N, C-alpha and C. Protein backbone atom coordinates (compact mmCIF):
# COMPACT_ATOMS: atom_id res chain seq x y z
N MET A 1 21.61 -23.04 -5.80
CA MET A 1 21.43 -24.11 -4.80
C MET A 1 20.66 -25.27 -5.40
N ILE A 2 20.10 -25.04 -6.58
CA ILE A 2 19.32 -26.11 -7.23
C ILE A 2 20.25 -27.02 -8.04
N GLU A 3 21.28 -26.43 -8.61
CA GLU A 3 22.19 -27.22 -9.46
C GLU A 3 22.84 -28.38 -8.70
N PRO A 4 23.35 -28.16 -7.49
CA PRO A 4 23.96 -29.27 -6.72
C PRO A 4 22.96 -30.39 -6.49
N LEU A 5 21.71 -30.05 -6.26
CA LEU A 5 20.68 -31.07 -6.04
C LEU A 5 20.47 -31.88 -7.31
N LEU A 6 20.41 -31.19 -8.45
CA LEU A 6 20.24 -31.89 -9.73
C LEU A 6 21.43 -32.79 -10.00
N CYS A 7 22.63 -32.30 -9.70
CA CYS A 7 23.84 -33.10 -9.91
C CYS A 7 23.78 -34.35 -9.04
N GLY A 8 23.35 -34.19 -7.81
CA GLY A 8 23.26 -35.34 -6.90
C GLY A 8 22.23 -36.35 -7.38
N ILE A 9 21.11 -35.84 -7.89
CA ILE A 9 20.05 -36.74 -8.38
C ILE A 9 20.56 -37.49 -9.61
N VAL A 10 21.22 -36.78 -10.51
CA VAL A 10 21.76 -37.41 -11.74
C VAL A 10 22.78 -38.48 -11.36
N LEU A 11 23.71 -38.13 -10.46
CA LEU A 11 24.75 -39.08 -10.05
C LEU A 11 24.11 -40.29 -9.37
N GLY A 12 22.97 -40.07 -8.72
CA GLY A 12 22.29 -41.18 -8.03
C GLY A 12 21.51 -42.04 -9.01
N LEU A 13 21.00 -41.43 -10.10
CA LEU A 13 20.21 -42.19 -11.07
C LEU A 13 21.08 -42.93 -12.08
N VAL A 14 22.26 -42.38 -12.38
CA VAL A 14 23.15 -43.02 -13.37
C VAL A 14 23.43 -44.48 -13.02
N PRO A 15 23.88 -44.81 -11.80
CA PRO A 15 24.16 -46.21 -11.46
C PRO A 15 22.91 -47.07 -11.58
N ILE A 16 21.75 -46.51 -11.23
CA ILE A 16 20.50 -47.28 -11.30
C ILE A 16 20.16 -47.60 -12.76
N THR A 17 20.35 -46.62 -13.64
CA THR A 17 20.05 -46.84 -15.06
C THR A 17 21.04 -47.86 -15.64
N LEU A 18 22.31 -47.77 -15.22
CA LEU A 18 23.31 -48.74 -15.71
C LEU A 18 22.94 -50.14 -15.24
N LEU A 19 22.51 -50.26 -13.99
CA LEU A 19 22.12 -51.58 -13.46
C LEU A 19 20.89 -52.08 -14.21
N GLY A 20 20.01 -51.16 -14.58
CA GLY A 20 18.79 -51.55 -15.29
C GLY A 20 19.11 -52.02 -16.71
N LEU A 21 20.10 -51.36 -17.34
CA LEU A 21 20.47 -51.74 -18.71
C LEU A 21 21.24 -53.05 -18.71
N PHE A 22 22.17 -53.19 -17.75
CA PHE A 22 22.99 -54.41 -17.70
C PHE A 22 22.38 -55.39 -16.70
């Protein structure tokens, strides 16, 4: 039940990191 949460957090952080880089 922890893995889905981590996946959701990663998917949520990826766009933020991309916006931060670009």
